Amino acid sequence: MSDIVIERSGGILRVELNRPAQKKRLIKDASISQLREAVKIENQEFSERVRSAEAKEALSAFLEKRPPNFTNTATRVAVQ
């Protein structure tokens, strides 16, 4: 069993350390490549989402001090 478990489900990446008492050793060992891969996947996902129409509308609304309007975006986003 691997010390680090990486699971991706849609836009969510989960990294689990199975042996937290050994995390100093994990960082120094070969599993650092798994962490690099997880960071790469996370960066790709973030990069795609930050350029989305939803993100642009959310940032514009924030800067303009108004509620966001997601009706013209590709996917519907619930406003809380």
PDB file of N, CA and C in Angstrom:
ATOM      1  N   MET A   1       0.842  -1.185   0.000  1.00  0.00           N
ATOM      2  CA  MET A   1       0.000   0.000   0.000  1.00  0.00           C
ATOM      3  C   MET A   1       0.885   1.247   0.000  1.00  0.00           C
ATOM      4  N   SER A   2       0.563   2.212  -0.821  1.00  0.00           N
ATOM      5  CA  SER A   2       1.333   3.445  -0.926  1.00  0.00           C
ATOM      6  C   SER A   2       1.114   4.331   0.303  1.00  0.00           C
ATOM      7  N   ASP A   3       2.150   5.084   0.657  1.00  0.00           N
ATOM      8  CA  ASP A   3       2.037   6.008   1.776  1.00  0.00           C
ATOM      9  C   ASP A   3       1.167   7.209   1.437  1.00  0.00           C
ATOM     10  N   ILE A   4       1.077   7.522   0.160  1.00  0.00           N
ATOM     11  CA  ILE A   4       0.268   8.663  -0.286  1.00  0.00           C
ATOM     12  C   ILE A   4      -0.764   8.164  -1.283  1.00  0.00           C
ATOM     13  N   VAL A   5      -2.003   8.517  -1.046  1.00  0.00           N
ATOM     14  CA  VAL A   5      -3.090   8.143  -1.944  1.00  0.00           C
ATOM     15  C   VAL A   5      -3.593   9.409  -2.609  1.00  0.00           C
ATOM     16  N   ILE A   6      -3.623   9.412  -3.940  1.00  0.00           N
ATOM     17  CA  ILE A   6      -4.105  10.564  -4.695  1.00  0.00           C
ATOM     18  C   ILE A   6      -5.342  10.127  -5.462  1.00  0.00           C
ATOM     19  N   GLU A   7      -6.448  10.817  -5.233  1.00  0.00           N
ATOM     20  CA  GLU A   7      -7.692  10.527  -5.933  1.00  0.00           C
ATOM     21  C   GLU A   7      -8.223  11.802  -6.548  1.00  0.00           C
ATOM     22  N   ARG A   8      -8.710  11.696  -7.771  1.00  0.00           N
ATOM     23  CA  ARG A   8      -9.304  12.839  -8.443  1.00  0.00           C
ATOM     24  C   ARG A   8     -10.739  12.494  -8.782  1.00  0.00           C
ATOM     25  N   SER A   9     -11.652  13.365  -8.392  1.00  0.00           N
ATOM     26  CA  SER A   9     -13.060  13.170  -8.676  1.00  0.00           C
ATOM     27  C   SER A   9     -13.604  14.484  -9.209  1.00  0.00           C
ATOM     28  N   GLY A  10     -13.796  14.558 -10.503  1.00  0.00           N
ATOM     29  CA  GLY A  10     -14.242  15.809 -11.110  1.00  0.00           C
ATOM     30  C   GLY A  10     -13.190  16.880 -10.895  1.00  0.00           C
ATOM     31  N   GLY A  11     -13.577  17.979 -10.287  1.00  0.00           N
ATOM     32  CA  GLY A  11     -12.656  19.075 -10.035  1.00  0.00           C
ATOM     33  C   GLY A  11     -12.007  19.018  -8.664  1.00  0.00           C
ATOM     34  N   ILE A  12     -12.143  17.889  -7.970  1.00  0.00           N
ATOM     35  CA  ILE A  12     -11.605  17.790  -6.621  1.00  0.00           C
ATOM     36  C   ILE A  12     -10.445  16.803  -6.610  1.00  0.00           C
ATOM     37  N   LEU A  13      -9.326  17.234  -6.070  1.00  0.00           N
ATOM     38  CA  LEU A  13      -8.162  16.381  -5.909  1.00  0.00           C
ATOM     39  C   LEU A  13      -7.968  16.142  -4.422  1.00  0.00           C
ATOM     40  N   ARG A  14      -7.879  14.857  -4.024  1.00  0.00           N
ATOM     41  CA  ARG A  14      -7.700  14.515  -2.621  1.00  0.00           C
ATOM     42  C   ARG A  14      -6.363  13.805  -2.467  1.00  0.00           C
ATOM     43  N   VAL A  15      -5.524  14.326  -1.560  1.00  0.00           N
ATOM     44  CA  VAL A  15      -4.242  13.716  -1.241  1.00  0.00           C
ATOM     45  C   VAL A  15      -4.311  13.252   0.208  1.00  0.00           C
ATOM     46  N   GLU A  16      -4.076  11.964   0.431  1.00  0.00           N
ATOM     47  CA  GLU A  16      -4.187  11.405   1.769  1.00  0.00           C
ATOM     48  C   GLU A  16      -2.863  10.765   2.163  1.00  0.00           C
ATOM     49  N   LEU A  17      -2.355  11.131   3.339  1.00  0.00           N
ATOM     50  CA  LEU A  17      -1.165  10.501   3.898  1.00  0.00           C
ATOM     51  C   LEU A  17      -1.627   9.368   4.801  1.00  0.00           C
ATOM     52  N   ASN A  18      -1.248   8.152   4.458  1.00  0.00           N
ATOM     53  CA  ASN A  18      -1.666   7.006   5.259  1.00  0.00           C
ATOM     54  C   ASN A  18      -0.846   6.868   6.537  1.00  0.00           C
ATOM     55  N   ARG A  19       0.309   7.479   6.597  1.00  0.00           N
ATOM     56  CA  ARG A  19       1.179   7.374   7.764  1.00  0.00           C
ATOM     57  C   ARG A  19       1.644   8.764   8.174  1.00  0.00           C
ATOM     58  N   PRO A  20       0.788   9.581   8.783  1.00  0.00           N
ATOM     59  CA  PRO A  20       1.156  10.955   9.116  1.00  0.00           C
ATOM     60  C   PRO A  20       2.347  11.063  10.052  1.00  0.00           C
ATOM     61  N   ALA A  21       2.599  10.056  10.881  1.00  0.00           N
ATOM     62  CA  ALA A  21       3.762  10.116  11.779  1.00  0.00           C
ATOM     63  C   ALA A  21       5.059  10.063  10.987  1.00  0.00           C
ATOM     64  N   GLN A  22       4.999   9.607   9.764  1.00  0.00           N
ATOM     65  CA  GLN A  22       6.188   9.458   8.930  1.00  0.00           C
ATOM     66  C   GLN A  22       6.303  10.560   7.866  1.00  0.00           C
ATOM     67  N   LYS A  23       5.557  11.640   7.992  1.00  0.00           N
ATOM     68  CA  LYS A  23       5.520  12.601   6.885  1.00  0.00           C
ATOM     69  C   LYS A  23       6.856  13.261   6.593  1.00  0.00           C
ATOM     70  N   LYS A  24       7.744  13.429   7.583  1.00  0.00           N
ATOM     71  CA  LYS A  24       9.071  13.978   7.272  1.00  0.00           C
ATOM     72  C   LYS A  24       9.834  13.046   6.349  1.00  0.00           C
ATOM     73  N   ARG A  25       9.716  11.748   6.623  1.00  0.00           N
ATOM     74  CA  ARG A  25      10.385  10.765   5.772  1.00  0.00           C
ATOM     75  C   ARG A  25       9.765  10.762   4.379  1.00  0.00           C
ATOM     76  N   LEU A  26       8.455  10.900   4.312  1.00  0.00           N
ATOM     77  CA  LEU A  26       7.770  10.886   3.021  1.00  0.00           C
ATOM     78  C   LEU A  26       8.238  12.015   2.121  1.00  0.00           C
ATOM     79  N   ILE A  27       8.416  13.178   2.693  1.00  0.00           N
ATOM     80  CA  ILE A  27       8.825  14.333   1.895  1.00  0.00           C
ATOM     81  C   ILE A  27      10.215  14.105   1.313  1.00  0.00           C
ATOM     82  N   LYS A  28      11.076  13.442   2.063  1.00  0.00           N
ATOM     83  CA  LYS A  28      12.449  13.211   1.609  1.00  0.00           C
ATOM     84  C   LYS A  28      12.556  12.044   0.638  1.00  0.00           C
ATOM     85  N   ASP A  29      11.632  11.113   0.667  1.00  0.00           N
ATOM     86  CA  ASP A  29      11.704   9.912  -0.165  1.00  0.00           C
ATOM     87  C   ASP A  29      11.140  10.150  -1.562  1.00  0.00           C
ATOM     88  N   ALA A  30      11.094   9.083  -2.316  1.00  0.00           N
ATOM     89  CA  ALA A  30      10.662   9.147  -3.716  1.00  0.00           C
ATOM     90  C   ALA A  30       9.221   9.601  -3.877  1.00  0.00           C
ATOM     91  N   SER A  31       8.420   9.530  -2.833  1.00  0.00           N
ATOM     92  CA  SER A  31       7.023   9.922  -2.967  1.00  0.00           C
ATOM     93  C   SER A  31       6.854  11.412  -3.265  1.00  0.00           C
ATOM     94  N   ILE A  32       7.951  12.158  -3.193  1.00  0.00           N
ATOM     95  CA  ILE A  32       7.887  13.581  -3.551  1.00  0.00           C
ATOM     96  C   ILE A  32       7.386  13.726  -4.992  1.00  0.00           C
ATOM     97  N   SER A  33       7.672  12.740  -5.840  1.00  0.00           N
ATOM     98  CA  SER A  33       7.187  12.809  -7.227  1.00  0.00           C
ATOM     99  C   SER A  33       5.664  12.731  -7.270  1.00  0.00           C
ATOM    100  N   GLN A  34       5.050  11.976  -6.351  1.00  0.00           N
ATOM    101  CA  GLN A  34       3.588  11.920  -6.284  1.00  0.00           C
ATOM    102  C   GLN A  34       3.022  13.270  -5.861  1.00  0.00           C
ATOM    103  N   LEU A  35       3.697  13.922  -4.931  1.00  0.00           N
ATOM    104  CA  LEU A  35       3.248  15.248  -4.512  1.00  0.00           C
ATOM    105  C   LEU A  35       3.365  16.248  -5.652  1.00  0.00           C
ATOM    106  N   ARG A  36       4.449  16.163  -6.398  1.00  0.00           N
ATOM    107  CA  ARG A  36       4.623  17.061  -7.553  1.00  0.00           C
ATOM    108  C   ARG A  36       3.514  16.834  -8.582  1.00  0.00           C
ATOM    109  N   GLU A  37       3.162  15.576  -8.807  1.00  0.00           N
ATOM    110  CA  GLU A  37       2.085  15.268  -9.747  1.00  0.00           C
ATOM    111  C   GLU A  37       0.754  15.822  -9.246  1.00  0.00           C
ATOM    112  N   ALA A  38       0.509  15.700  -7.946  1.00  0.00           N
ATOM    113  CA  ALA A  38      -0.727  16.233  -7.371  1.00  0.00           C
ATOM    114  C   ALA A  38      -0.781  17.745  -7.526  1.00  0.00           C
ATOM    115  N   VAL A  39       0.327  18.424  -7.291  1.00  0.00           N
ATOM    116  CA  VAL A  39       0.386  19.881  -7.449  1.00  0.00           C
ATOM    117  C   VAL A  39       0.169  20.255  -8.910  1.00  0.00           C
ATOM    118  N   LYS A  40       0.739  19.487  -9.825  1.00  0.00           N
ATOM    119  CA  LYS A  40       0.569  19.755 -11.263  1.00  0.00           C
ATOM    120  C   LYS A  40      -0.907  19.657 -11.658  1.00  0.00           C
ATOM    121  N   ILE A  41      -1.578  18.595 -11.190  1.00  0.00           N
ATOM    122  CA  ILE A  41      -2.998  18.417 -11.499  1.00  0.00           C
ATOM    123  C   ILE A  41      -3.818  19.562 -10.900  1.00  0.00           C
ATOM    124  N   GLU A  42      -3.501  19.919  -9.661  1.00  0.00           N
ATOM    125  CA  GLU A  42      -4.223  21.017  -8.995  1.00  0.00           C
ATOM    126  C   GLU A  42      -4.022  22.330  -9.749  1.00  0.00           C
ATOM    127  N   ASN A  43      -2.804  22.612 -10.193  1.00  0.00           N
ATOM    128  CA  ASN A  43      -2.525  23.838 -10.946  1.00  0.00           C
ATOM    129  C   ASN A  43      -3.281  23.870 -12.267  1.00  0.00           C
ATOM    130  N   GLN A  44      -3.349  22.728 -12.954  1.00  0.00           N
ATOM    131  CA  GLN A  44      -4.095  22.663 -14.214  1.00  0.00           C
ATOM    132  C   GLN A  44      -5.579  22.948 -13.979  1.00  0.00           C
ATOM    133  N   GLU A  45      -6.119  22.325 -12.954  1.00  0.00           N
ATOM    134  CA  GLU A  45      -7.545  22.510 -12.628  1.00  0.00           C
ATOM    135  C   GLU A  45      -7.837  23.966 -12.271  1.00  0.00           C
ATOM    136  N   PHE A  46      -6.982  24.556 -11.423  1.00  0.00           N
ATOM    137  CA  PHE A  46      -7.161  25.949 -11.026  1.00  0.00           C
ATOM    138  C   PHE A  46      -7.057  26.870 -12.239  1.00  0.00           C
ATOM    139  N   SER A  47      -6.070  26.608 -13.094  1.00  0.00           N
ATOM    140  CA  SER A  47      -5.856  27.440 -14.276  1.00  0.00           C
ATOM    141  C   SER A  47      -7.090  27.450 -15.182  1.00  0.00           C
ATOM    142  N   GLU A  48      -7.694  26.280 -15.358  1.00  0.00           N
ATOM    143  CA  GLU A  48      -8.903  26.201 -16.186  1.00  0.00           C
ATOM    144  C   GLU A  48     -10.058  26.966 -15.549  1.00  0.00           C
ATOM    145  N   ARG A  49     -10.239  26.782 -14.259  1.00  0.00           N
ATOM    146  CA  ARG A  49     -11.387  27.392 -13.580  1.00  0.00           C
ATOM    147  C   ARG A  49     -11.247  28.904 -13.417  1.00  0.00           C
ATOM    148  N   VAL A  50     -10.037  29.390 -13.202  1.00  0.00           N
ATOM    149  CA  VAL A  50      -9.860  30.829 -12.990  1.00  0.00           C
ATOM    150  C   VAL A  50     -10.131  31.621 -14.273  1.00  0.00           C
ATOM    151  N   ARG A  51     -10.049  30.952 -15.436  1.00  0.00           N
ATOM    152  CA  ARG A  51     -10.322  31.617 -16.710  1.00  0.00           C
ATOM    153  C   ARG A  51     -11.767  31.443 -17.166  1.00  0.00           C
ATOM    154  N   SER A  52     -12.587  30.801 -16.346  1.00  0.00           N
ATOM    155  CA  SER A  52     -13.973  30.531 -16.743  1.00  0.00           C
ATOM    156  C   SER A  52     -14.822  31.799 -16.704  1.00  0.00           C
ATOM    157  N   ALA A  53     -15.934  31.736 -17.393  1.00  0.00           N
ATOM    158  CA  ALA A  53     -16.878  32.858 -17.395  1.00  0.00           C
ATOM    159  C   ALA A  53     -17.407  33.126 -15.988  1.00  0.00           C
ATOM    160  N   GLU A  54     -17.591  32.041 -15.225  1.00  0.00           N
ATOM    161  CA  GLU A  54     -18.076  32.195 -13.849  1.00  0.00           C
ATOM    162  C   GLU A  54     -17.087  32.972 -12.995  1.00  0.00           C
ATOM    163  N   ALA A  55     -15.808  32.640 -13.127  1.00  0.00           N
ATOM    164  CA  ALA A  55     -14.776  33.330 -12.344  1.00  0.00           C
ATOM    165  C   ALA A  55     -14.680  34.799 -12.745  1.00  0.00           C
ATOM    166  N   LYS A  56     -14.759  35.066 -14.042  1.00  0.00           N
ATOM    167  CA  LYS A  56     -14.692  36.453 -14.519  1.00  0.00           C
ATOM    168  C   LYS A  56     -15.867  37.271 -13.980  1.00  0.00           C
ATOM    169  N   GLU A  57     -17.070  36.683 -14.001  1.00  0.00           N
ATOM    170  CA  GLU A  57     -18.246  37.385 -13.484  1.00  0.00           C
ATOM    171  C   GLU A  57     -18.124  37.604 -11.982  1.00  0.00           C
ATOM    172  N   ALA A  58     -17.645  36.597 -11.259  1.00  0.00           N
ATOM    173  CA  ALA A  58     -17.496  36.733  -9.804  1.00  0.00           C
ATOM    174  C   ALA A  58     -16.509  37.844  -9.463  1.00  0.00           C
ATOM    175  N   LEU A  59     -15.375  37.897 -10.161  1.00  0.00           N
ATOM    176  CA  LEU A  59     -14.381  38.940  -9.896  1.00  0.00           C
ATOM    177  C   LEU A  59     -14.904  40.317 -10.289  1.00  0.00           C
ATOM    178  N   SER A  60     -15.558  40.410 -11.432  1.00  0.00           N
ATOM    179  CA  SER A  60     -16.132  41.690 -11.858  1.00  0.00           C
ATOM    180  C   SER A  60     -17.151  42.195 -10.844  1.00  0.00           C
ATOM    181  N   ALA A  61     -18.015  41.303 -10.391  1.00  0.00           N
ATOM    182  CA  ALA A  61     -19.034  41.681  -9.411  1.00  0.00           C
ATOM    183  C   ALA A  61     -18.383  42.161  -8.116  1.00  0.00           C
ATOM    184  N   PHE A  62     -17.356  41.468  -7.691  1.00  0.00           N
ATOM    185  CA  PHE A  62     -16.657  41.869  -6.467  1.00  0.00           C
ATOM    186  C   PHE A  62     -16.053  43.263  -6.624  1.00  0.00           C
ATOM    187  N   LEU A  63     -15.353  43.489  -7.728  1.00  0.00           N
ATOM    188  CA  LEU A  63     -14.708  44.791  -7.951  1.00  0.00           C
ATOM    189  C   LEU A  63     -15.717  45.918  -8.114  1.00  0.00           C
ATOM    190  N   GLU A  64     -16.870  45.594  -8.696  1.00  0.00           N
ATOM    191  CA  GLU A  64     -17.917  46.590  -8.903  1.00  0.00           C
ATOM    192  C   GLU A  64     -18.877  46.682  -7.713  1.00  0.00           C
ATOM    193  N   LYS A  65     -18.603  45.892  -6.676  1.00  0.00           N
ATOM    194  CA  LYS A  65     -19.410  45.900  -5.443  1.00  0.00           C
ATOM    195  C   LYS A  65     -20.897  45.669  -5.741  1.00  0.00           C
ATOM    196  N   ARG A  66     -21.148  44.620  -6.511  1.00  0.00           N
ATOM    197  CA  ARG A  66     -22.517  44.248  -6.857  1.00  0.00           C
ATOM    198  C   ARG A  66     -22.658  42.736  -6.736  1.00  0.00           C
ATOM    199  N   PRO A  67     -23.897  42.258  -6.645  1.00  0.00           N
ATOM    200  CA  PRO A  67     -24.077  40.805  -6.612  1.00  0.00           C
ATOM    201  C   PRO A  67     -23.738  40.205  -7.978  1.00  0.00           C
ATOM    202  N   PRO A  68     -23.163  39.015  -8.016  1.00  0.00           N
ATOM    203  CA  PRO A  68     -22.843  38.399  -9.309  1.00  0.00           C
ATOM    204  C   PRO A  68     -24.110  37.935 -10.028  1.00  0.00           C
ATOM    205  N   ASN A  69     -24.048  37.927 -11.348  1.00  0.00           N
ATOM    206  CA  ASN A  69     -25.152  37.469 -12.187  1.00  0.00           C
ATOM    207  C   ASN A  69     -24.604  36.361 -13.089  1.00  0.00           C
ATOM    208  N   PHE A  70     -24.908  35.124 -12.748  1.00  0.00           N
ATOM    209  CA  PHE A  70     -24.381  33.987 -13.487  1.00  0.00           C
ATOM    210  C   PHE A  70     -25.347  33.464 -14.554  1.00  0.00           C
ATOM    211  N   THR A  71     -26.384  34.212 -14.884  1.00  0.00           N
ATOM    212  CA  THR A  71     -27.377  33.716 -15.843  1.00  0.00           C
ATOM    213  C   THR A  71     -26.822  33.578 -17.251  1.00  0.00           C
ATOM    214  N   ASN A  72     -25.799  34.326 -17.616  1.00  0.00           N
ATOM    215  CA  ASN A  72     -25.240  34.260 -18.964  1.00  0.00           C
ATOM    216  C   ASN A  72     -23.987  33.399 -19.047  1.00  0.00           C
ATOM    217  N   THR A  73     -23.664  32.675 -17.996  1.00  0.00           N
ATOM    218  CA  THR A  73     -22.479  31.807 -18.018  1.00  0.00           C
ATOM    219  C   THR A  73     -22.868  30.423 -18.498  1.00  0.00           C
ATOM    220  N   ALA A  74     -21.882  29.634 -18.900  1.00  0.00           N
ATOM    221  CA  ALA A  74     -22.133  28.308 -19.470  1.00  0.00           C
ATOM    222  C   ALA A  74     -22.790  27.360 -18.489  1.00  0.00           C
ATOM    223  N   THR A  75     -22.350  27.387 -17.238  1.00  0.00           N
ATOM    224  CA  THR A  75     -22.942  26.508 -16.228  1.00  0.00           C
ATOM    225  C   THR A  75     -23.584  27.358 -15.154  1.00  0.00           C
ATOM    226  N   ARG A  76     -24.651  26.870 -14.606  1.00  0.00           N
ATOM    227  CA  ARG A  76     -25.362  27.602 -13.566  1.00  0.00           C
ATOM    228  C   ARG A  76     -24.596  27.491 -12.241  1.00  0.00           C
ATOM    229  N   VAL A  77     -24.486  28.604 -11.551  1.00  0.00           N
ATOM    230  CA  VAL A  77     -23.802  28.655 -10.264  1.00  0.00           C
ATOM    231  C   VAL A  77     -24.781  29.190  -9.242  1.00  0.00           C
ATOM    232  N   ALA A  78     -24.907  28.518  -8.132  1.00  0.00           N
ATOM    233  CA  ALA A  78     -25.810  28.970  -7.072  1.00  0.00           C
ATOM    234  C   ALA A  78     -25.165  30.132  -6.317  1.00  0.00           C
ATOM    235  N   VAL A  79     -25.917  31.210  -6.125  1.00  0.00           N
ATOM    236  CA  VAL A  79     -25.425  32.368  -5.380  1.00  0.00           C
ATOM    237  C   VAL A  79     -25.957  32.279  -3.974  1.00  0.00           C
ATOM    238  N   GLN A  80     -25.067  32.377  -2.999  1.00  0.00           N
ATOM    239  CA  GLN A  80     -25.498  32.294  -1.608  1.00  0.00           C
ATOM    240  C   GLN A  80     -25.661  33.662  -1.005  1.00  0.00           C
TER     241      GLN A  80
END
